[in-house]
Each structure stands twice: as structure tokens, then as C-alpha cells.
Amino acid sequence: MTTPRRARAAAFTRRAGVSLLAGTVMGAVFWALDVAAPAPPLLSLTGLAGILLGERVATALRTRWARRHRPAGHAVESRRYW
């Protein structure tokens, strides 16, 4: 694995870990307060899928727009995490 690729993978892993930790903390808070989750699991997963899809579409459109409006000979940096 090249160094920039390894750095991107490490950054993604760090963000995923923070996200998992935040979700776990919120789950513990809901449990401690004896409160049900604000959304049923299927509904919340559907919402999460919508967020991820929206992010992908926005990134693709931004990249396409940048490629069309860049000066000749100018490279566009791609930010892929997968």
C-alpha cells in the first residue's frame, strides 16, 4: 500500500472508530435514561443509507463540475476512501 493510500485508510478508520464510539455512547445514554431509540432500526438505517447516497452523489457532481471548469493542464485531486 502506498503512503498516501495508507494515510487515507488510517484517516477513514479513525473517523469510523469515532463514529462507532459516538453511537455506542448514545446507545448507553438511551439505555441509562430508559428511553427507546428515536427511530425504529429499519427507518434509521434507511436514513443513514440516504445520507451516504447523497454524499456520493454530491461528491460525484462536484468532481464532474470541477473537471469541466478547470484550466487546461490542471489536475483535479480525487478523494476516494474506498
C-alpha atoms as a PDB file:
ATOM      1  CA  MET A   1       0.000   0.000   0.000  1.00  0.00           C
ATOM      2  CA  THR A   2       1.431   3.406  -0.908  1.00  0.00           C
ATOM      3  CA  THR A   3       1.922   6.044   1.768  1.00  0.00           C
ATOM      4  CA  PRO A   4      -0.902   8.431   0.663  1.00  0.00           C
ATOM      5  CA  ARG A   5      -3.258   5.483   0.354  1.00  0.00           C
ATOM      6  CA  ARG A   6      -2.256   4.216   3.791  1.00  0.00           C
ATOM      7  CA  ALA A   7      -2.799   7.685   5.267  1.00  0.00           C
ATOM      8  CA  ARG A   8      -6.296   7.871   3.722  1.00  0.00           C
ATOM      9  CA  ALA A   9      -7.112   4.403   5.051  1.00  0.00           C
ATOM     10  CA  ALA A  10      -5.907   5.402   8.520  1.00  0.00           C
ATOM     11  CA  ALA A  11      -7.970   8.604   8.419  1.00  0.00           C
ATOM     12  CA  PHE A  12     -11.061   6.654   7.366  1.00  0.00           C
ATOM     13  CA  THR A  13     -10.506   4.077  10.110  1.00  0.00           C
ATOM     14  CA  ARG A  14     -10.122   6.847  12.668  1.00  0.00           C
ATOM     15  CA  ARG A  15     -13.379   8.527  11.547  1.00  0.00           C
ATOM     16  CA  ALA A  16     -15.218   5.203  11.528  1.00  0.00           C
ATOM     17  CA  GLY A  17     -13.959   4.466  15.037  1.00  0.00           C
ATOM     18  CA  VAL A  18     -15.081   7.862  16.334  1.00  0.00           C
ATOM     19  CA  SER A  19     -18.485   7.337  14.713  1.00  0.00           C
ATOM     20  CA  LEU A  20     -18.837   3.891  16.284  1.00  0.00           C
ATOM     21  CA  LEU A  21     -17.794   5.258  19.669  1.00  0.00           C
ATOM     22  CA  ALA A  22     -20.311   8.125  19.424  1.00  0.00           C
ATOM     23  CA  GLY A  23     -23.087   5.685  18.526  1.00  0.00           C
ATOM     24  CA  THR A  24     -22.150   3.434  21.422  1.00  0.00           C
ATOM     25  CA  VAL A  25     -22.166   6.363  23.850  1.00  0.00           C
ATOM     26  CA  MET A  26     -25.600   7.482  22.617  1.00  0.00           C
ATOM     27  CA  GLY A  27     -26.884   3.925  22.971  1.00  0.00           C
ATOM     28  CA  ALA A  28     -25.641   3.864  26.549  1.00  0.00           C
ATOM     29  CA  VAL A  29     -27.335   7.213  27.239  1.00  0.00           C
ATOM     30  CA  PHE A  30     -30.641   5.909  25.833  1.00  0.00           C
ATOM     31  CA  TRP A  31     -30.259   2.765  27.955  1.00  0.00           C
ATOM     32  CA  ALA A  32     -29.424   4.749  31.121  1.00  0.00           C
ATOM     33  CA  LEU A  33     -32.422   7.024  30.636  1.00  0.00           C
ATOM     34  CA  ASP A  34     -34.612   4.011  29.796  1.00  0.00           C
ATOM     35  CA  VAL A  35     -35.668   5.690  26.558  1.00  0.00           C
ATOM     36  CA  ALA A  36     -36.400   3.889  23.303  1.00  0.00           C
ATOM     37  CA  ALA A  37     -34.335   4.810  20.271  1.00  0.00           C
ATOM     38  CA  PRO A  38     -35.855   7.810  18.457  1.00  0.00           C
ATOM     39  CA  ALA A  39     -36.379   5.825  15.263  1.00  0.00           C
ATOM     40  CA  PRO A  40     -37.023   2.161  14.522  1.00  0.00           C
ATOM     41  CA  PRO A  41     -33.858   0.374  13.334  1.00  0.00           C
ATOM     42  CA  LEU A  42     -35.082  -0.077   9.747  1.00  0.00           C
ATOM     43  CA  LEU A  43     -36.039   3.585   9.465  1.00  0.00           C
ATOM     44  CA  SER A  44     -32.745   4.778  10.914  1.00  0.00           C
ATOM     45  CA  LEU A  45     -30.727   2.526   8.592  1.00  0.00           C
ATOM     46  CA  THR A  46     -32.731   3.796   5.637  1.00  0.00           C
ATOM     47  CA  GLY A  47     -31.939   7.362   6.677  1.00  0.00           C
ATOM     48  CA  LEU A  48     -28.262   6.514   7.012  1.00  0.00           C
ATOM     49  CA  ALA A  49     -28.260   4.952   3.540  1.00  0.00           C
ATOM     50  CA  GLY A  50     -29.839   8.155   2.193  1.00  0.00           C
ATOM     51  CA  ILE A  51     -27.136  10.262   3.804  1.00  0.00           C
ATOM     52  CA  LEU A  52     -24.383   8.100   2.317  1.00  0.00           C
ATOM     53  CA  LEU A  53     -26.000   8.111  -1.120  1.00  0.00           C
ATOM     54  CA  GLY A  54     -26.419  11.884  -1.005  1.00  0.00           C
ATOM     55  CA  GLU A  55     -22.770  12.316  -0.080  1.00  0.00           C
ATOM     56  CA  ARG A  56     -21.667  10.141  -3.004  1.00  0.00           C
ATOM     57  CA  VAL A  57     -23.892  11.978  -5.486  1.00  0.00           C
ATOM     58  CA  ALA A  58     -22.725  15.398  -4.263  1.00  0.00           C
ATOM     59  CA  THR A  59     -19.070  14.341  -4.475  1.00  0.00           C
ATOM     60  CA  ALA A  60     -19.539  12.966  -7.997  1.00  0.00           C
ATOM     61  CA  LEU A  61     -21.299  16.129  -9.177  1.00  0.00           C
ATOM     62  CA  ARG A  62     -18.672  18.384  -7.601  1.00  0.00           C
ATOM     63  CA  THR A  63     -15.864  16.394  -9.233  1.00  0.00           C
ATOM     64  CA  ARG A  64     -17.592  16.469 -12.622  1.00  0.00           C
ATOM     65  CA  TRP A  65     -18.205  20.213 -12.340  1.00  0.00           C
ATOM     66  CA  ALA A  66     -14.569  20.825 -11.338  1.00  0.00           C
ATOM     67  CA  ARG A  67     -13.294  18.823 -14.331  1.00  0.00           C
ATOM     68  CA  ARG A  68     -15.412  20.851 -16.754  1.00  0.00           C
ATOM     69  CA  HIS A  69     -14.422  24.213 -15.297  1.00  0.00           C
ATOM     70  CA  ARG A  70     -10.704  23.739 -14.687  1.00  0.00           C
ATOM     71  CA  PRO A  71      -7.998  25.436 -16.745  1.00  0.00           C
ATOM     72  CA  ALA A  72      -6.269  23.295 -19.374  1.00  0.00           C
ATOM     73  CA  GLY A  73      -3.493  21.133 -17.923  1.00  0.00           C
ATOM     74  CA  HIS A  74      -4.725  21.463 -14.346  1.00  0.00           C
ATOM     75  CA  ALA A  75      -5.092  18.199 -12.403  1.00  0.00           C
ATOM     76  CA  VAL A  76      -8.026  17.559 -10.047  1.00  0.00           C
ATOM     77  CA  GLU A  77      -7.313  15.680  -6.844  1.00  0.00           C
ATOM     78  CA  SER A  78      -9.695  12.805  -6.224  1.00  0.00           C
ATOM     79  CA  ARG A  79     -10.800  11.988  -2.658  1.00  0.00           C
ATOM     80  CA  ARG A  80     -11.778   8.361  -2.583  1.00  0.00           C
ATOM     81  CA  TYR A  81     -11.881   6.417   0.660  1.00  0.00           C
ATOM     82  CA  TRP A  82     -12.954   3.012  -0.648  1.00  0.00           C
END
